PDB file of N, CA and C in Angstrom:
ATOM      1  N   MET A   1      74.847  -9.014 -15.715  1.00  0.00           N
ATOM      2  CA  MET A   1      74.511  -8.186 -14.569  1.00  0.00           C
ATOM      3  C   MET A   1      72.999  -8.008 -14.508  1.00  0.00           C
ATOM      4  N   ALA A   2      72.431  -8.278 -13.364  1.00  0.00           N
ATOM      5  CA  ALA A   2      70.990  -8.166 -13.186  1.00  0.00           C
ATOM      6  C   ALA A   2      70.527  -6.721 -13.334  1.00  0.00           C
ATOM      7  N   THR A   3      69.327  -6.573 -13.853  1.00  0.00           N
ATOM      8  CA  THR A   3      68.716  -5.258 -14.022  1.00  0.00           C
ATOM      9  C   THR A   3      67.539  -5.152 -13.063  1.00  0.00           C
ATOM     10  N   GLU A   4      67.498  -4.074 -12.294  1.00  0.00           N
ATOM     11  CA  GLU A   4      66.369  -3.836 -11.392  1.00  0.00           C
ATOM     12  C   GLU A   4      65.213  -3.255 -12.198  1.00  0.00           C
ATOM     13  N   ALA A   5      64.044  -3.841 -12.056  1.00  0.00           N
ATOM     14  CA  ALA A   5      62.866  -3.371 -12.790  1.00  0.00           C
ATOM     15  C   ALA A   5      62.007  -2.475 -11.909  1.00  0.00           C
ATOM     16  N   THR A   6      61.306  -1.569 -12.563  1.00  0.00           N
ATOM     17  CA  THR A   6      60.299  -0.735 -11.917  1.00  0.00           C
ATOM     18  C   THR A   6      59.011  -0.882 -12.724  1.00  0.00           C
ATOM     19  N   VAL A   7      57.954  -0.289 -12.227  1.00  0.00           N
ATOM     20  CA  VAL A   7      56.676  -0.327 -12.955  1.00  0.00           C
ATOM     21  C   VAL A   7      56.867   0.230 -14.368  1.00  0.00           C
ATOM     22  N   GLU A   8      57.665   1.288 -14.479  1.00  0.00           N
ATOM     23  CA  GLU A   8      57.859   1.941 -15.769  1.00  0.00           C
ATOM     24  C   GLU A   8      58.728   1.122 -16.726  1.00  0.00           C
ATOM     25  N   THR A   9      59.657   0.335 -16.215  1.00  0.00           N
ATOM     26  CA  THR A   9      60.616  -0.360 -17.086  1.00  0.00           C
ATOM     27  C   THR A   9      60.313  -1.837 -17.308  1.00  0.00           C
ATOM     28  N   TYR A  10      59.420  -2.419 -16.524  1.00  0.00           N
ATOM     29  CA  TYR A  10      59.225  -3.868 -16.542  1.00  0.00           C
ATOM     30  C   TYR A  10      58.905  -4.423 -17.930  1.00  0.00           C
ATOM     31  N   GLN A  11      57.888  -3.898 -18.579  1.00  0.00           N
ATOM     32  CA  GLN A  11      57.464  -4.452 -19.872  1.00  0.00           C
ATOM     33  C   GLN A  11      58.581  -4.386 -20.913  1.00  0.00           C
ATOM     34  N   GLY A  12      59.317  -3.319 -20.930  1.00  0.00           N
ATOM     35  CA  GLY A  12      60.424  -3.201 -21.875  1.00  0.00           C
ATOM     36  C   GLY A  12      61.534  -4.196 -21.599  1.00  0.00           C
ATOM     37  N   LEU A  13      61.766  -4.515 -20.328  1.00  0.00           N
ATOM     38  CA  LEU A  13      62.839  -5.445 -19.967  1.00  0.00           C
ATOM     39  C   LEU A  13      62.519  -6.892 -20.333  1.00  0.00           C
ATOM     40  N   VAL A  14      61.246  -7.250 -20.370  1.00  0.00           N
ATOM     41  CA  VAL A  14      60.881  -8.639 -20.672  1.00  0.00           C
ATOM     42  C   VAL A  14      60.409  -8.824 -22.115  1.00  0.00           C
ATOM     43  N   ALA A  15      60.421  -7.768 -22.908  1.00  0.00           N
ATOM     44  CA  ALA A  15      59.814  -7.795 -24.242  1.00  0.00           C
ATOM     45  C   ALA A  15      60.575  -8.635 -25.256  1.00  0.00           C
ATOM     46  N   GLU A  16      61.894  -8.742 -25.130  1.00  0.00           N
ATOM     47  CA  GLU A  16      62.679  -9.441 -26.156  1.00  0.00           C
ATOM     48  C   GLU A  16      63.621 -10.452 -25.544  1.00  0.00           C
ATOM     49  N   GLY A  17      63.758 -11.573 -26.234  1.00  0.00           N
ATOM     50  CA  GLY A  17      64.726 -12.587 -25.841  1.00  0.00           C
ATOM     51  C   GLY A  17      64.282 -13.421 -24.658  1.00  0.00           C
ATOM     52  N   ALA A  18      65.245 -14.158 -24.106  1.00  0.00           N
ATOM     53  CA  ALA A  18      65.019 -15.014 -22.953  1.00  0.00           C
ATOM     54  C   ALA A  18      65.282 -14.197 -21.690  1.00  0.00           C
ATOM     55  N   VAL A  19      64.314 -14.220 -20.771  1.00  0.00           N
ATOM     56  CA  VAL A  19      64.399 -13.398 -19.564  1.00  0.00           C
ATOM     57  C   VAL A  19      63.963 -14.222 -18.357  1.00  0.00           C
ATOM     58  N   LEU A  20      64.747 -14.135 -17.281  1.00  0.00           N
ATOM     59  CA  LEU A  20      64.367 -14.699 -15.993  1.00  0.00           C
ATOM     60  C   LEU A  20      64.108 -13.533 -15.055  1.00  0.00           C
ATOM     61  N   VAL A  21      62.887 -13.471 -14.502  1.00  0.00           N
ATOM     62  CA  VAL A  21      62.538 -12.413 -13.565  1.00  0.00           C
ATOM     63  C   VAL A  21      62.504 -13.011 -12.168  1.00  0.00           C
ATOM     64  N   ASP A  22      63.284 -12.411 -11.275  1.00  0.00           N
ATOM     65  CA  ASP A  22      63.395 -12.827  -9.884  1.00  0.00           C
ATOM     66  C   ASP A  22      62.607 -11.847  -9.030  1.00  0.00           C
ATOM     67  N   PHE A  23      61.457 -12.291  -8.523  1.00  0.00           N
ATOM     68  CA  PHE A  23      60.671 -11.489  -7.592  1.00  0.00           C
ATOM     69  C   PHE A  23      61.168 -11.818  -6.186  1.00  0.00           C
ATOM     70  N   TRP A  24      61.632 -10.816  -5.481  1.00  0.00           N
ATOM     71  CA  TRP A  24      62.257 -11.033  -4.177  1.00  0.00           C
ATOM     72  C   TRP A  24      61.851  -9.924  -3.210  1.00  0.00           C
ATOM     73  N   GLY A  25      62.166 -10.144  -1.950  1.00  0.00           N
ATOM     74  CA  GLY A  25      61.929  -9.136  -0.924  1.00  0.00           C
ATOM     75  C   GLY A  25      63.097  -9.091   0.035  1.00  0.00           C
ATOM     76  N   PRO A  26      63.399  -7.922   0.587  1.00  0.00           N
ATOM     77  CA  PRO A  26      64.554  -7.777   1.464  1.00  0.00           C
ATOM     78  C   PRO A  26      64.450  -8.550   2.775  1.00  0.00           C
ATOM     79  N   ARG A  27      63.259  -8.953   3.163  1.00  0.00           N
ATOM     80  CA  ARG A  27      63.082  -9.751   4.387  1.00  0.00           C
ATOM     81  C   ARG A  27      62.761 -11.212   4.086  1.00  0.00           C
ATOM     82  N   CYS A  28      62.860 -11.604   2.844  1.00  0.00           N
ATOM     83  CA  CYS A  28      62.551 -12.978   2.423  1.00  0.00           C
ATOM     84  C   CYS A  28      63.833 -13.808   2.472  1.00  0.00           C
ATOM     85  N   ALA A  29      63.978 -14.603   3.514  1.00  0.00           N
ATOM     86  CA  ALA A  29      65.203 -15.398   3.684  1.00  0.00           C
ATOM     87  C   ALA A  29      65.459 -16.352   2.510  1.00  0.00           C
ATOM     88  N   PRO A  30      64.448 -17.074   2.016  1.00  0.00           N
ATOM     89  CA  PRO A  30      64.703 -17.939   0.859  1.00  0.00           C
ATOM     90  C   PRO A  30      65.148 -17.152  -0.374  1.00  0.00           C
ATOM     91  N   CYS A  31      64.585 -15.943  -0.560  1.00  0.00           N
ATOM     92  CA  CYS A  31      64.978 -15.093  -1.693  1.00  0.00           C
ATOM     93  C   CYS A  31      66.455 -14.743  -1.599  1.00  0.00           C
ATOM     94  N   LEU A  32      66.853 -14.303  -0.422  1.00  0.00           N
ATOM     95  CA  LEU A  32      68.238 -13.884  -0.218  1.00  0.00           C
ATOM     96  C   LEU A  32      69.192 -15.066  -0.320  1.00  0.00           C
ATOM     97  N   ALA A  33      68.748 -16.241   0.116  1.00  0.00           N
ATOM     98  CA  ALA A  33      69.589 -17.434   0.029  1.00  0.00           C
ATOM     99  C   ALA A  33      69.805 -17.865  -1.419  1.00  0.00           C
ATOM    100  N   LEU A  34      68.783 -17.709  -2.274  1.00  0.00           N
ATOM    101  CA  LEU A  34      68.892 -18.117  -3.683  1.00  0.00           C
ATOM    102  C   LEU A  34      69.626 -17.095  -4.551  1.00  0.00           C
ATOM    103  N   MET A  35      69.672 -15.854  -4.105  1.00  0.00           N
ATOM    104  CA  MET A  35      70.212 -14.776  -4.927  1.00  0.00           C
ATOM    105  C   MET A  35      71.619 -15.058  -5.476  1.00  0.00           C
ATOM    106  N   PRO A  36      72.583 -15.497  -4.668  1.00  0.00           N
ATOM    107  CA  PRO A  36      73.919 -15.758  -5.224  1.00  0.00           C
ATOM    108  C   PRO A  36      73.914 -16.855  -6.292  1.00  0.00           C
ATOM    109  N   ALA A  37      73.125 -17.910  -6.089  1.00  0.00           N
ATOM    110  CA  ALA A  37      73.063 -18.993  -7.073  1.00  0.00           C
ATOM    111  C   ALA A  37      72.462 -18.509  -8.387  1.00  0.00           C
ATOM    112  N   VAL A  38      71.435 -17.674  -8.310  1.00  0.00           N
ATOM    113  CA  VAL A  38      70.797 -17.153  -9.520  1.00  0.00           C
ATOM    114  C   VAL A  38      71.757 -16.230 -10.260  1.00  0.00           C
ATOM    115  N   GLU A  39      72.494 -15.412  -9.527  1.00  0.00           N
ATOM    116  CA  GLU A  39      73.457 -14.518 -10.167  1.00  0.00           C
ATOM    117  C   GLU A  39      74.610 -15.297 -10.804  1.00  0.00           C
ATOM    118  N   ARG A  40      75.051 -16.381 -10.164  1.00  0.00           N
ATOM    119  CA  ARG A  40      76.083 -17.245 -10.775  1.00  0.00           C
ATOM    120  C   ARG A  40      75.554 -17.906 -12.042  1.00  0.00           C
ATOM    121  N   LEU A  41      74.284 -18.283 -12.025  1.00  0.00           N
ATOM    122  CA  LEU A  41      73.650 -18.897 -13.188  1.00  0.00           C
ATOM    123  C   LEU A  41      73.691 -17.941 -14.373  1.00  0.00           C
ATOM    124  N   GLU A  42      73.420 -16.682 -14.122  1.00  0.00           N
ATOM    125  CA  GLU A  42      73.487 -15.680 -15.181  1.00  0.00           C
ATOM    126  C   GLU A  42      74.907 -15.607 -15.750  1.00  0.00           C
ATOM    127  N   GLN A  43      75.905 -15.632 -14.900  1.00  0.00           N
ATOM    128  CA  GLN A  43      77.301 -15.575 -15.357  1.00  0.00           C
ATOM    129  C   GLN A  43      77.671 -16.814 -16.172  1.00  0.00           C
ATOM    130  N   ARG A  44      77.230 -17.980 -15.716  1.00  0.00           N
ATOM    131  CA  ARG A  44      77.552 -19.234 -16.430  1.00  0.00           C
ATOM    132  C   ARG A  44      76.937 -19.269 -17.821  1.00  0.00           C
ATOM    133  N   HIS A  45      75.764 -18.690 -17.969  1.00  0.00           N
ATOM    134  CA  HIS A  45      75.093 -18.705 -19.278  1.00  0.00           C
ATOM    135  C   HIS A  45      75.569 -17.572 -20.176  1.00  0.00           C
ATOM    136  N   ASP A  46      76.416 -16.715 -19.660  1.00  0.00           N
ATOM    137  CA  ASP A  46      77.151 -15.721 -20.436  1.00  0.00           C
ATOM    138  C   ASP A  46      76.308 -14.963 -21.463  1.00  0.00           C
ATOM    139  N   GLY A  47      75.268 -14.306 -20.976  1.00  0.00           N
ATOM    140  CA  GLY A  47      74.496 -13.433 -21.856  1.00  0.00           C
ATOM    141  C   GLY A  47      73.403 -14.103 -22.665  1.00  0.00           C
ATOM    142  N   SER A  48      73.154 -15.392 -22.449  1.00  0.00           N
ATOM    143  CA  SER A  48      72.113 -16.057 -23.237  1.00  0.00           C
ATOM    144  C   SER A  48      70.709 -15.763 -22.702  1.00  0.00           C
ATOM    145  N   PHE A  49      70.623 -15.153 -21.532  1.00  0.00           N
ATOM    146  CA  PHE A  49      69.340 -14.685 -21.016  1.00  0.00           C
ATOM    147  C   PHE A  49      69.591 -13.445 -20.169  1.00  0.00           C
ATOM    148  N   ARG A  50      68.530 -12.672 -19.974  1.00  0.00           N
ATOM    149  CA  ARG A  50      68.606 -11.466 -19.146  1.00  0.00           C
ATOM    150  C   ARG A  50      68.010 -11.788 -17.779  1.00  0.00           C
ATOM    151  N   LEU A  51      68.705 -11.377 -16.734  1.00  0.00           N
ATOM    152  CA  LEU A  51      68.192 -11.512 -15.375  1.00  0.00           C
ATOM    153  C   LEU A  51      67.620 -10.162 -14.949  1.00  0.00           C
ATOM    154  N   VAL A  52      66.341 -10.180 -14.596  1.00  0.00           N
ATOM    155  CA  VAL A  52      65.646  -8.971 -14.142  1.00  0.00           C
ATOM    156  C   VAL A  52      65.185  -9.231 -12.715  1.00  0.00           C
ATOM    157  N   LYS A  53      65.463  -8.294 -11.832  1.00  0.00           N
ATOM    158  CA  LYS A  53      65.080  -8.433 -10.432  1.00  0.00           C
ATOM    159  C   LYS A  53      63.972  -7.433 -10.116  1.00  0.00           C
ATOM    160  N   VAL A  54      62.972  -7.915  -9.381  1.00  0.00           N
ATOM    161  CA  VAL A  54      61.869  -7.060  -8.967  1.00  0.00           C
ATOM    162  C   VAL A  54      61.775  -7.131  -7.445  1.00  0.00           C
ATOM    163  N   ASN A  55      62.074  -6.012  -6.793  1.00  0.00           N
ATOM    164  CA  ASN A  55      61.880  -5.911  -5.350  1.00  0.00           C
ATOM    165  C   ASN A  55      60.375  -5.772  -5.132  1.00  0.00           C
ATOM    166  N   ALA A  56      59.761  -6.822  -4.608  1.00  0.00           N
ATOM    167  CA  ALA A  56      58.306  -6.856  -4.473  1.00  0.00           C
ATOM    168  C   ALA A  56      57.786  -5.753  -3.557  1.00  0.00           C
ATOM    169  N   ASN A  57      58.541  -5.404  -2.531  1.00  0.00           N
ATOM    170  CA  ASN A  57      58.101  -4.351  -1.609  1.00  0.00           C
ATOM    171  C   ASN A  57      57.997  -3.001  -2.304  1.00  0.00           C
ATOM    172  N   GLU A  58      58.880  -2.745  -3.245  1.00  0.00           N
ATOM    173  CA  GLU A  58      58.911  -1.457  -3.929  1.00  0.00           C
ATOM    174  C   GLU A  58      58.084  -1.440  -5.212  1.00  0.00           C
ATOM    175  N   ASN A  59      57.635  -2.606  -5.660  1.00  0.00           N
ATOM    176  CA  ASN A  59      56.923  -2.705  -6.942  1.00  0.00           C
ATOM    177  C   ASN A  59      55.666  -3.561  -6.805  1.00  0.00           C
ATOM    178  N   ARG A  60      54.830  -3.178  -5.866  1.00  0.00           N
ATOM    179  CA  ARG A  60      53.617  -3.964  -5.604  1.00  0.00           C
ATOM    180  C   ARG A  60      52.676  -4.005  -6.807  1.00  0.00           C
ATOM    181  N   GLN A  61      52.675  -2.964  -7.622  1.00  0.00           N
ATOM    182  CA  GLN A  61      51.789  -2.936  -8.796  1.00  0.00           C
ATOM    183  C   GLN A  61      52.156  -4.048  -9.778  1.00  0.00           C
ATOM    184  N   ILE A  62      53.445  -4.251 -10.006  1.00  0.00           N
ATOM    185  CA  ILE A  62      53.875  -5.339 -10.898  1.00  0.00           C
ATOM    186  C   ILE A  62      53.403  -6.672 -10.337  1.00  0.00           C
ATOM    187  N   CYS A  63      53.585  -6.870  -9.034  1.00  0.00           N
ATOM    188  CA  CYS A  63      53.168  -8.128  -8.406  1.00  0.00           C
ATOM    189  C   CYS A  63      51.664  -8.340  -8.534  1.00  0.00           C
ATOM    190  N   ARG A  64      50.895  -7.289  -8.323  1.00  0.00           N
ATOM    191  CA  ARG A  64      49.433  -7.412  -8.475  1.00  0.00           C
ATOM    192  C   ARG A  64      49.061  -7.753  -9.913  1.00  0.00           C
ATOM    193  N   ASP A  65      49.656  -7.027 -10.860  1.00  0.00           N
ATOM    194  CA  ASP A  65      49.325  -7.246 -12.270  1.00  0.00           C
ATOM    195  C   ASP A  65      49.643  -8.674 -12.719  1.00  0.00           C
ATOM    196  N   LEU A  66      50.734  -9.230 -12.201  1.00  0.00           N
ATOM    197  CA  LEU A  66      51.172 -10.568 -12.622  1.00  0.00           C
ATOM    198  C   LEU A  66      50.722 -11.676 -11.673  1.00  0.00           C
ATOM    199  N   LYS A  67      49.965 -11.293 -10.655  1.00  0.00           N
ATOM    200  CA  LYS A  67      49.467 -12.249  -9.667  1.00  0.00           C
ATOM    201  C   LYS A  67      50.616 -13.011  -8.989  1.00  0.00           C
ATOM    202  N   VAL A  68      51.627 -12.260  -8.592  1.00  0.00           N
ATOM    203  CA  VAL A  68      52.721 -12.816  -7.798  1.00  0.00           C
ATOM    204  C   VAL A  68      52.335 -12.611  -6.343  1.00  0.00           C
ATOM    205  N   PHE A  69      51.959 -13.705  -5.685  1.00  0.00           N
ATOM    206  CA  PHE A  69      51.424 -13.614  -4.329  1.00  0.00           C
ATOM    207  C   PHE A  69      52.378 -14.120  -3.263  1.00  0.00           C
ATOM    208  N   GLY A  70      53.440 -14.811  -3.664  1.00  0.00           N
ATOM    209  CA  GLY A  70      54.395 -15.337  -2.702  1.00  0.00           C
ATOM    210  C   GLY A  70      55.807 -15.171  -3.206  1.00  0.00           C
ATOM    211  N   LEU A  71      56.727 -15.141  -2.268  1.00  0.00           N
ATOM    212  CA  LEU A  71      58.142 -15.009  -2.610  1.00  0.00           C
ATOM    213  C   LEU A  71      58.905 -16.207  -2.060  1.00  0.00           C
ATOM    214  N   PRO A  72      59.951 -16.601  -2.745  1.00  0.00           N
ATOM    215  CA  PRO A  72      60.393 -16.112  -4.044  1.00  0.00           C
ATOM    216  C   PRO A  72      59.533 -16.661  -5.177  1.00  0.00           C
ATOM    217  N   THR A  73      59.442 -15.886  -6.234  1.00  0.00           N
ATOM    218  CA  THR A  73      58.793 -16.317  -7.474  1.00  0.00           C
ATOM    219  C   THR A  73      59.730 -15.983  -8.621  1.00  0.00           C
ATOM    220  N   PHE A  74      59.851 -16.910  -9.544  1.00  0.00           N
ATOM    221  CA  PHE A  74      60.669 -16.714 -10.744  1.00  0.00           C
ATOM    222  C   PHE A  74      59.765 -16.903 -11.950  1.00  0.00           C
ATOM    223  N   VAL A  75      59.765 -15.912 -12.839  1.00  0.00           N
ATOM    224  CA  VAL A  75      58.946 -15.970 -14.047  1.00  0.00           C
ATOM    225  C   VAL A  75      59.889 -15.935 -15.238  1.00  0.00           C
ATOM    226  N   LEU A  76      59.722 -16.881 -16.153  1.00  0.00           N
ATOM    227  CA  LEU A  76      60.566 -16.965 -17.336  1.00  0.00           C
ATOM    228  C   LEU A  76      59.774 -16.521 -18.548  1.00  0.00           C
ATOM    229  N   TYR A  77      60.401 -15.651 -19.343  1.00  0.00           N
ATOM    230  CA  TYR A  77      59.774 -15.095 -20.535  1.00  0.00           C
ATOM    231  C   TYR A  77      60.602 -15.415 -21.765  1.00  0.00           C
ATOM    232  N   ARG A  78      59.909 -15.577 -22.877  1.00  0.00           N
ATOM    233  CA  ARG A  78      60.557 -15.618 -24.184  1.00  0.00           C
ATOM    234  C   ARG A  78      59.819 -14.618 -25.057  1.00  0.00           C
ATOM    235  N   ASP A  79      60.536 -13.598 -25.497  1.00  0.00           N
ATOM    236  CA  ASP A  79      59.980 -12.556 -26.366  1.00  0.00           C
ATOM    237  C   ASP A  79      58.668 -11.984 -25.833  1.00  0.00           C
ATOM    238  N   GLY A  80      58.665 -11.672 -24.545  1.00  0.00           N
ATOM    239  CA  GLY A  80      57.524 -11.008 -23.933  1.00  0.00           C
ATOM    240  C   GLY A  80      56.400 -11.910 -23.468  1.00  0.00           C
ATOM    241  N   GLN A  81      56.509 -13.200 -23.731  1.00  0.00           N
ATOM    242  CA  GLN A  81      55.467 -14.142 -23.334  1.00  0.00           C
ATOM    243  C   GLN A  81      55.952 -14.997 -22.171  1.00  0.00           C
ATOM    244  N   GLU A  82      55.144 -15.072 -21.117  1.00  0.00           N
ATOM    245  CA  GLU A  82      55.506 -15.933 -19.998  1.00  0.00           C
ATOM    246  C   GLU A  82      55.457 -17.387 -20.446  1.00  0.00           C
ATOM    247  N   VAL A  83      56.540 -18.120 -20.214  1.00  0.00           N
ATOM    248  CA  VAL A  83      56.586 -19.527 -20.603  1.00  0.00           C
ATOM    249  C   VAL A  83      56.644 -20.461 -19.401  1.00  0.00           C
ATOM    250  N   ARG A  84      57.014 -19.918 -18.236  1.00  0.00           N
ATOM    251  CA  ARG A  84      57.084 -20.775 -17.054  1.00  0.00           C
ATOM    252  C   ARG A  84      57.137 -19.895 -15.809  1.00  0.00           C
ATOM    253  N   ARG A  85      56.661 -20.476 -14.706  1.00  0.00           N
ATOM    254  CA  ARG A  85      56.678 -19.780 -13.418  1.00  0.00           C
ATOM    255  C   ARG A  85      57.064 -20.783 -12.341  1.00  0.00           C
ATOM    256  N   LEU A  86      58.014 -20.389 -11.505  1.00  0.00           N
ATOM    257  CA  LEU A  86      58.444 -21.217 -10.379  1.00  0.00           C
ATOM    258  C   LEU A  86      58.112 -20.479  -9.087  1.00  0.00           C
ATOM    259  N   THR A  87      57.345 -21.128  -8.219  1.00  0.00           N
ATOM    260  CA  THR A  87      56.965 -20.524  -6.946  1.00  0.00           C
ATOM    261  C   THR A  87      57.155 -21.547  -5.837  1.00  0.00           C
ATOM    262  N   GLY A  88      56.937 -21.106  -4.617  1.00  0.00           N
ATOM    263  CA  GLY A  88      56.999 -22.037  -3.502  1.00  0.00           C
ATOM    264  C   GLY A  88      58.406 -22.434  -3.124  1.00  0.00           C
ATOM    265  N   ASN A  89      59.331 -21.502  -3.187  1.00  0.00           N
ATOM    266  CA  ASN A  89      60.721 -21.720  -2.803  1.00  0.00           C
ATOM    267  C   ASN A  89      61.385 -22.813  -3.646  1.00  0.00           C
ATOM    268  N   PRO A  90      61.501 -22.607  -4.950  1.00  0.00           N
ATOM    269  CA  PRO A  90      62.161 -23.599  -5.803  1.00  0.00           C
ATOM    270  C   PRO A  90      63.645 -23.703  -5.455  1.00  0.00           C
ATOM    271  N   SER A  91      64.215 -24.847  -5.749  1.00  0.00           N
ATOM    272  CA  SER A  91      65.643 -25.050  -5.492  1.00  0.00           C
ATOM    273  C   SER A  91      66.460 -24.394  -6.600  1.00  0.00           C
ATOM    274  N   ALA A  92      67.733 -24.188  -6.317  1.00  0.00           N
ATOM    275  CA  ALA A  92      68.634 -23.635  -7.327  1.00  0.00           C
ATOM    276  C   ALA A  92      68.696 -24.569  -8.537  1.00  0.00           C
ATOM    277  N   ALA A  93      68.640 -25.866  -8.305  1.00  0.00           N
ATOM    278  CA  ALA A  93      68.669 -26.834  -9.409  1.00  0.00           C
ATOM    279  C   ALA A  93      67.421 -26.709 -10.286  1.00  0.00           C
ATOM    280  N   GLU A  94      66.266 -26.494  -9.685  1.00  0.00           N
ATOM    281  CA  GLU A  94      65.029 -26.321 -10.458  1.00  0.00           C
ATOM    282  C   GLU A  94      65.096 -25.048 -11.304  1.00  0.00           C
ATOM    283  N   ILE A  95      65.631 -23.997 -10.729  1.00  0.00           N
ATOM    284  CA  ILE A  95      65.766 -22.742 -11.473  1.00  0.00           C
ATOM    285  C   ILE A  95      66.738 -22.930 -12.628  1.00  0.00           C
ATOM    286  N   GLU A  96      67.852 -23.597 -12.367  1.00  0.00           N
ATOM    287  CA  GLU A  96      68.840 -23.836 -13.423  1.00  0.00           C
ATOM    288  C   GLU A  96      68.258 -24.663 -14.559  1.00  0.00           C
ATOM    289  N   ALA A  97      67.487 -25.697 -14.235  1.00  0.00           N
ATOM    290  CA  ALA A  97      66.868 -26.532 -15.268  1.00  0.00           C
ATOM    291  C   ALA A  97      65.888 -25.720 -16.111  1.00  0.00           C
ATOM    292  N   ALA A  98      65.109 -24.856 -15.466  1.00  0.00           N
ATOM    293  CA  ALA A  98      64.142 -24.024 -16.195  1.00  0.00           C
ATOM    294  C   ALA A  98      64.861 -23.044 -17.113  1.00  0.00           C
ATOM    295  N   VAL A  99      65.949 -22.448 -16.632  1.00  0.00           N
ATOM    296  CA  VAL A  99      66.707 -21.502 -17.452  1.00  0.00           C
ATOM    297  C   VAL A  99      67.359 -22.212 -18.627  1.00  0.00           C
ATOM    298  N   THR A 100      67.915 -23.383 -18.390  1.00  0.00           N
ATOM    299  CA  THR A 100      68.538 -24.152 -19.466  1.00  0.00           C
ATOM    300  C   THR A 100      67.514 -24.452 -20.555  1.00  0.00           C
ATOM    301  N   GLU A 101      66.334 -24.855 -20.141  1.00  0.00           N
ATOM    302  CA  GLU A 101      65.255 -25.117 -21.104  1.00  0.00           C
ATOM    303  C   GLU A 101      64.874 -23.847 -21.865  1.00  0.00           C
ATOM    304  N   LEU A 102      64.823 -22.738 -21.157  1.00  0.00           N
ATOM    305  CA  LEU A 102      64.472 -21.460 -21.772  1.00  0.00           C
ATOM    306  C   LEU A 102      65.499 -21.053 -22.831  1.00  0.00           C
ATOM    307  N   VAL A 103      66.771 -21.117 -22.509  1.00  0.00           N
ATOM    308  CA  VAL A 103      67.781 -20.649 -23.451  1.00  0.00           C
ATOM    309  C   VAL A 103      67.997 -21.628 -24.602  1.00  0.00           C
ATOM    310  N   GLU A 104      67.647 -22.879 -24.402  1.00  0.00           N
ATOM    311  CA  GLU A 104      67.780 -23.865 -25.488  1.00  0.00           C
ATOM    312  C   GLU A 104      66.543 -23.910 -26.371  1.00  0.00           C
ATOM    313  N   GLY A 105      65.530 -23.129 -26.028  1.00  0.00           N
ATOM    314  CA  GLY A 105      64.372 -22.990 -26.904  1.00  0.00           C
ATOM    315  C   GLY A 105      63.196 -23.868 -26.614  1.00  0.00           C
ATOM    316  N   GLY A 106      63.251 -24.691 -25.567  1.00  0.00           N
ATOM    317  CA  GLY A 106      62.104 -25.534 -25.220  1.00  0.00           C
ATOM    318  C   GLY A 106      61.126 -24.776 -24.369  1.00  0.00           C
ATOM    319  N   ASP A 107      59.937 -25.317 -24.213  1.00  0.00           N
ATOM    320  CA  ASP A 107      58.934 -24.690 -23.332  1.00  0.00           C
ATOM    321  C   ASP A 107      58.654 -25.606 -22.179  1.00  0.00           C
TER     322      ASP A 107
END
């Protein structure tokens, strides 16, 4: 189950393990189109990574701090360190490949 992040909770949510952060907006059509596929991906991987969602409209400080300038953006973390970033409307297949690499331990 995806966890909604706020400015106060973000760092704690990405600090440990494999994490996929979905930066999205309620008016971002590509974000909304990818959302079901990303949520299914989380279910298929059965707890091997944490899905964190950041509503960019409500959490502009996080976006500024991380230099997230466009939506959708997906940031992958391992133990608090960013290991990959997907921007520019990535496909569901690209996101799945990045997550598979993340949970299998590659960079």
